[in-house]
């Protein structure tokens, strides 16, 4: 019998064969992991924003016409909103009955300053860069809104932002005004913003109707109403002893 062999097996050779089998398994596992890593690296490279923009600029990567239209539309909307940040719009201001366009413009400027003075934010001629009534192509009978563009000689952007914020915040006093009770003030919104606001108003009104019906049936009184805050419909406390708080 050859040394080391017993019962037809050699433990040393068996151990070597087991190790070879184990190493083969590890090699196969590493090959699979390597393939997966290569695939992941390729995906990351393809999704890299810098590479994507570079490829589009040099013509290697193209976007569809619809994608280009959407991107341009988003950019235009952002610019449009930015250009309106220093504006407010007055609704319900009676239309001047003056004979000439020049006289009507002058009267609009006078009444606009009276309204701003009424809400406690008096603006002199230097601070309100432009007061202009909307134009309409149709023959409308109701009064058109007036846009007030703040800026003028206001050198500090912060100053303009404060004025606009004050006007919007204090405009609520007009509901108790004898002369300007029908006037209300809003931000200068883009068309998409107006559509969104109309949807929010509809949702708010629906929720308040449900709330009223619920408390009427239970013969109770709600301590909150639904309102619009930061482009959302939220609950607003009615407790006058507290600050209005959104929940």
Protein backbone atom coordinates (compact mmCIF):
# COMPACT_ATOMS: atom_id res chain seq x y z
CA UNK A 1 0.00 0.00 0.00
CA UNK A 2 1.28 3.46 -0.87
CA UNK A 3 2.07 5.61 2.16
CA UNK A 4 -0.75 7.83 3.21
CA UNK A 5 -3.50 5.93 1.48
CA UNK A 6 -6.19 4.29 3.52
CA UNK A 7 -9.29 2.60 2.22
CA UNK A 8 -8.56 3.90 -1.26
CA UNK A 9 -8.37 7.58 -0.15
CA UNK A 10 -5.52 9.92 0.61
CA UNK A 11 -6.53 12.60 3.16
CA UNK A 12 -3.86 15.03 1.92
CA UNK A 13 -4.99 14.82 -1.69
CA UNK A 14 -8.65 15.01 -0.61
CA UNK A 15 -7.93 18.19 1.35
CA UNK A 16 -6.20 19.73 -1.70
CA UNK A 17 -9.14 18.83 -3.96
CA UNK A 18 -11.61 20.37 -1.47
CA UNK A 19 -9.59 23.58 -1.41
CA UNK A 20 -9.51 23.69 -5.22
CA UNK A 21 -13.31 23.27 -5.33
CA UNK A 22 -13.73 26.06 -2.76
CA UNK A 23 -11.42 28.38 -4.71
CA UNK A 24 -13.32 27.69 -7.93
CA UNK A 25 -16.58 28.68 -6.18
CA UNK A 26 -15.02 31.89 -4.90
CA UNK A 27 -13.70 32.75 -8.36
CA UNK A 28 -17.17 32.30 -9.87
CA UNK A 29 -18.67 34.46 -7.11
CA UNK A 30 -16.09 37.21 -7.71
CA UNK A 31 -16.76 37.09 -11.44
CA UNK A 32 -20.49 37.61 -10.80
CA UNK A 33 -19.80 40.50 -8.40
CA UNK A 34 -17.39 42.07 -10.90
CA UNK A 35 -20.02 41.88 -13.63
CA UNK A 36 -22.60 43.51 -11.38
CA UNK A 37 -20.18 46.32 -10.45
CA UNK A 38 -19.40 47.01 -14.10
CA UNK A 39 -23.11 47.27 -14.82
CA UNK A 40 -23.63 49.68 -11.91
CA UNK A 41 -20.70 51.86 -12.97
CA UNK A 42 -22.07 52.01 -16.50
CA UNK A 43 -25.50 53.07 -15.17
CA UNK A 44 -23.97 55.81 -13.00
CA UNK A 45 -21.96 57.15 -15.91
CA UNK A 46 -25.00 57.28 -18.16
CA UNK A 47 -27.00 59.09 -15.46
CA UNK A 48 -24.32 61.64 -14.62
CA UNK A 49 -25.84 65.15 -15.12
CA UNK A 50 -22.53 66.63 -16.28
CA UNK A 51 -22.02 63.87 -18.82
CA UNK A 52 -25.64 64.20 -19.93
CA UNK A 53 -25.37 67.95 -20.54
CA UNK A 54 -21.98 67.55 -22.21
CA UNK A 55 -23.35 64.90 -24.54
CA UNK A 56 -26.37 67.07 -25.42
CA UNK A 57 -24.13 70.05 -26.19
CA UNK A 58 -21.84 68.10 -28.49
CA UNK A 59 -24.73 66.29 -30.09
CA UNK A 60 -24.19 62.79 -28.68
CA UNK A 61 -27.38 62.90 -26.63
CA UNK A 62 -30.64 64.45 -27.78
CA UNK A 63 -33.93 65.24 -26.06
CA UNK A 64 -37.34 64.97 -27.63
CA UNK A 65 -39.27 67.99 -28.87
CA UNK A 66 -41.83 67.55 -26.06
CA UNK A 67 -39.07 67.50 -23.43
CA UNK A 68 -37.60 70.69 -24.86
CA UNK A 69 -41.02 72.38 -24.85
CA UNK A 70 -41.63 71.38 -21.22
CA UNK A 71 -38.22 72.64 -20.10
CA UNK A 72 -38.71 75.95 -21.88
CA UNK A 73 -42.21 76.32 -20.42
CA UNK A 74 -40.93 75.71 -16.89
CA UNK A 75 -38.16 78.26 -17.37
CA UNK A 76 -40.60 80.85 -18.75
CA UNK A 77 -43.01 80.29 -15.85
CA UNK A 78 -40.23 80.79 -13.30
CA UNK A 79 -39.12 84.02 -15.00
CA UNK A 80 -42.74 85.20 -15.20
CA UNK A 81 -43.27 84.64 -11.48
CA UNK A 82 -40.03 86.40 -10.66
CA UNK A 83 -41.03 89.47 -12.70
CA UNK A 84 -44.29 89.75 -10.72
CA UNK A 85 -42.83 89.56 -7.21
CA UNK A 86 -42.92 93.34 -6.74
CA UNK A 87 -46.51 93.72 -7.99
CA UNK A 88 -49.96 93.65 -6.45
CA UNK A 89 -53.32 93.70 -8.23
CA UNK A 90 -56.36 95.67 -7.07
CA UNK A 91 -59.77 94.22 -7.92
CA UNK A 92 -63.11 96.00 -7.75
CA UNK A 93 -61.80 99.51 -8.35
CA UNK A 94 -64.54 101.46 -10.19
CA UNK A 95 -63.74 102.39 -13.78
CA UNK A 96 -63.20 106.08 -14.45
CA UNK A 97 -65.87 107.82 -16.52
CA UNK A 98 -63.49 110.53 -17.70
CA UNK A 99 -63.69 111.52 -21.36
CA UNK A 100 -60.05 110.97 -22.33
CA UNK A 101 -57.58 108.13 -21.77
CA UNK A 102 -55.14 110.53 -20.13
CA UNK A 103 -57.77 111.65 -17.61
CA UNK A 104 -58.79 108.05 -16.88
CA UNK A 105 -55.17 107.07 -16.21
CA UNK A 106 -54.77 110.04 -13.88
CA UNK A 107 -57.92 109.12 -11.94
CA UNK A 108 -56.76 105.50 -11.63
CA UNK A 109 -53.49 106.72 -10.13
CA UNK A 110 -55.29 108.98 -7.68
CA UNK A 111 -57.76 106.33 -6.48
CA UNK A 112 -55.01 103.72 -6.19
CA UNK A 113 -53.01 105.97 -3.89
CA UNK A 114 -56.17 106.62 -1.85
CA UNK A 115 -56.68 102.87 -1.45
CA UNK A 116 -53.08 102.33 -0.36
CA UNK A 117 -53.43 105.20 2.08
CA UNK A 118 -56.67 103.65 3.40
CA UNK A 119 -54.90 100.41 4.33
CA UNK A 120 -52.09 102.27 6.04
CA UNK A 121 -49.35 101.92 3.42
CA UNK A 122 -49.15 105.37 1.82
CA UNK A 123 -46.94 105.34 -1.28
CA UNK A 124 -45.60 108.52 -2.83
CA UNK A 125 -45.10 109.01 -6.55
CA UNK A 126 -41.47 107.96 -6.39
CA UNK A 127 -42.18 104.63 -4.72
CA UNK A 128 -44.91 103.33 -7.02
CA UNK A 129 -43.22 102.94 -10.37
CA UNK A 130 -46.34 102.16 -12.34
CA UNK A 131 -50.08 102.07 -11.80
CA UNK A 132 -51.84 100.57 -14.78
CA UNK A 133 -55.33 99.22 -15.36
CA UNK A 134 -55.67 95.94 -17.26
CA UNK A 135 -56.81 96.14 -20.87
CA UNK A 136 -59.48 93.95 -22.43
CA UNK A 137 -60.10 93.08 -26.06
CA UNK A 138 -63.77 92.36 -25.37
CA UNK A 139 -66.49 94.82 -24.44
CA UNK A 140 -66.70 94.15 -20.72
CA UNK A 141 -68.95 96.16 -18.44
CA UNK A 142 -67.37 95.32 -15.07
CA UNK A 143 -64.29 97.16 -13.86
CA UNK A 144 -60.93 95.67 -14.80
CA UNK A 145 -58.15 95.15 -12.20
CA UNK A 146 -55.33 97.60 -11.62
CA UNK A 147 -51.74 96.41 -11.40
CA UNK A 148 -49.38 98.29 -9.08
CA UNK A 149 -45.70 97.71 -9.80
CA UNK A 150 -43.56 98.78 -6.87
CA UNK A 151 -39.97 99.83 -7.37
CA UNK A 152 -39.44 103.28 -8.78
CA UNK A 153 -36.55 104.83 -6.89
CA UNK A 154 -36.49 102.11 -4.27
CA UNK A 155 -32.86 101.08 -4.44
CA UNK A 156 -33.12 98.29 -1.89
CA UNK A 157 -34.91 95.11 -2.95
CA UNK A 158 -35.71 94.37 0.69
CA UNK A 159 -37.58 97.68 0.97
CA UNK A 160 -39.80 96.76 -1.99
CA UNK A 161 -40.49 93.30 -0.56
CA UNK A 162 -41.52 94.84 2.76
CA UNK A 163 -43.91 97.27 1.05
CA UNK A 164 -45.56 94.49 -0.99
CA UNK A 165 -45.85 92.31 2.13
CA UNK A 166 -47.46 95.16 4.09
CA UNK A 167 -49.97 95.91 1.34
CA UNK A 168 -51.08 92.26 1.11
CA UNK A 169 -51.24 91.85 4.89
CA UNK A 170 -53.16 95.04 5.65
CA UNK A 171 -55.54 94.89 2.68
CA UNK A 172 -58.08 93.08 4.90
CA UNK A 173 -59.06 96.43 6.45
CA UNK A 174 -60.80 97.35 3.19
CA UNK A 175 -63.76 95.12 4.05
CA UNK A 176 -64.66 97.67 6.75
CA UNK A 177 -63.99 100.69 4.55
CA UNK A 178 -66.96 102.87 3.57
CA UNK A 179 -65.45 103.98 0.28
CA UNK A 180 -63.50 100.88 -0.82
CA UNK A 181 -65.50 98.01 0.62
CA UNK A 182 -65.73 96.29 -2.78
CA UNK A 183 -61.97 96.42 -3.37
CA UNK A 184 -59.65 93.54 -2.56
CA UNK A 185 -55.93 93.08 -3.15
CA UNK A 186 -54.01 90.03 -4.32
CA UNK A 187 -50.57 89.03 -5.55
CA UNK A 188 -49.86 89.43 -9.26
CA UNK A 189 -50.26 85.80 -10.34
CA UNK A 190 -49.41 83.95 -13.52
CA UNK A 191 -52.05 81.90 -15.35
CA UNK A 192 -50.93 78.57 -13.79
CA UNK A 193 -50.99 80.20 -10.34
CA UNK A 194 -54.51 81.53 -10.96
CA UNK A 195 -55.70 78.06 -11.99
CA UNK A 196 -54.16 76.58 -8.84
CA UNK A 197 -55.71 79.30 -6.67
CA UNK A 198 -59.17 78.65 -8.14
CA UNK A 199 -58.80 74.97 -7.28
CA UNK A 200 -57.72 75.83 -3.75
CA UNK A 201 -60.67 78.19 -3.31
CA UNK A 202 -63.07 75.50 -4.51
CA UNK A 203 -61.57 72.97 -2.09
CA UNK A 204 -61.69 75.48 0.77
CA UNK A 205 -65.32 76.35 0.11
CA UNK A 206 -66.32 72.68 -0.14
CA UNK A 207 -64.61 71.85 3.17
CA UNK A 208 -66.23 74.83 4.90
CA UNK A 209 -69.65 73.77 3.59
CA UNK A 210 -69.12 70.28 5.02
CA UNK A 211 -67.96 71.82 8.29
CA UNK A 212 -71.02 74.07 8.51
CA UNK A 213 -73.39 71.19 7.77
CA UNK A 214 -71.75 69.00 10.41
CA UNK A 215 -72.00 71.61 13.16
CA UNK A 216 -75.50 72.65 12.15
CA UNK A 217 -76.68 69.08 12.51
CA UNK A 218 -74.96 68.75 15.89
CA UNK A 219 -76.07 72.26 16.93
CA UNK A 220 -72.47 73.17 17.78
CA UNK A 221 -70.05 75.86 16.72
CA UNK A 222 -66.71 75.26 15.00
CA UNK A 223 -63.58 76.77 16.50
CA UNK A 224 -61.82 76.88 13.14
CA UNK A 225 -62.43 77.47 9.46
CA UNK A 226 -60.62 76.21 6.40
CA UNK A 227 -58.38 78.79 4.75
CA UNK A 228 -55.60 79.03 2.18
CA UNK A 229 -52.08 79.45 3.48
CA UNK A 230 -48.85 78.93 1.52
CA UNK A 231 -50.68 77.33 -1.42
CA UNK A 232 -52.43 74.80 0.82
CA UNK A 233 -55.91 74.43 2.32
CA UNK A 234 -55.46 74.33 6.10
CA UNK A 235 -57.43 74.76 9.30
CA UNK A 236 -57.32 78.26 10.79
CA UNK A 237 -58.26 78.84 14.44
CA UNK A 238 -61.01 81.38 15.09
CA UNK A 239 -60.00 82.13 18.68
CA UNK A 240 -59.44 85.89 18.69
CA UNK A 241 -57.32 85.66 21.84
CA UNK A 242 -54.67 83.71 19.93
CA UNK A 243 -52.70 84.43 16.84
CA UNK A 244 -54.10 82.72 13.75
CA UNK A 245 -52.35 79.38 13.62
CA UNK A 246 -52.34 76.84 10.83
CA UNK A 247 -52.71 73.19 11.75
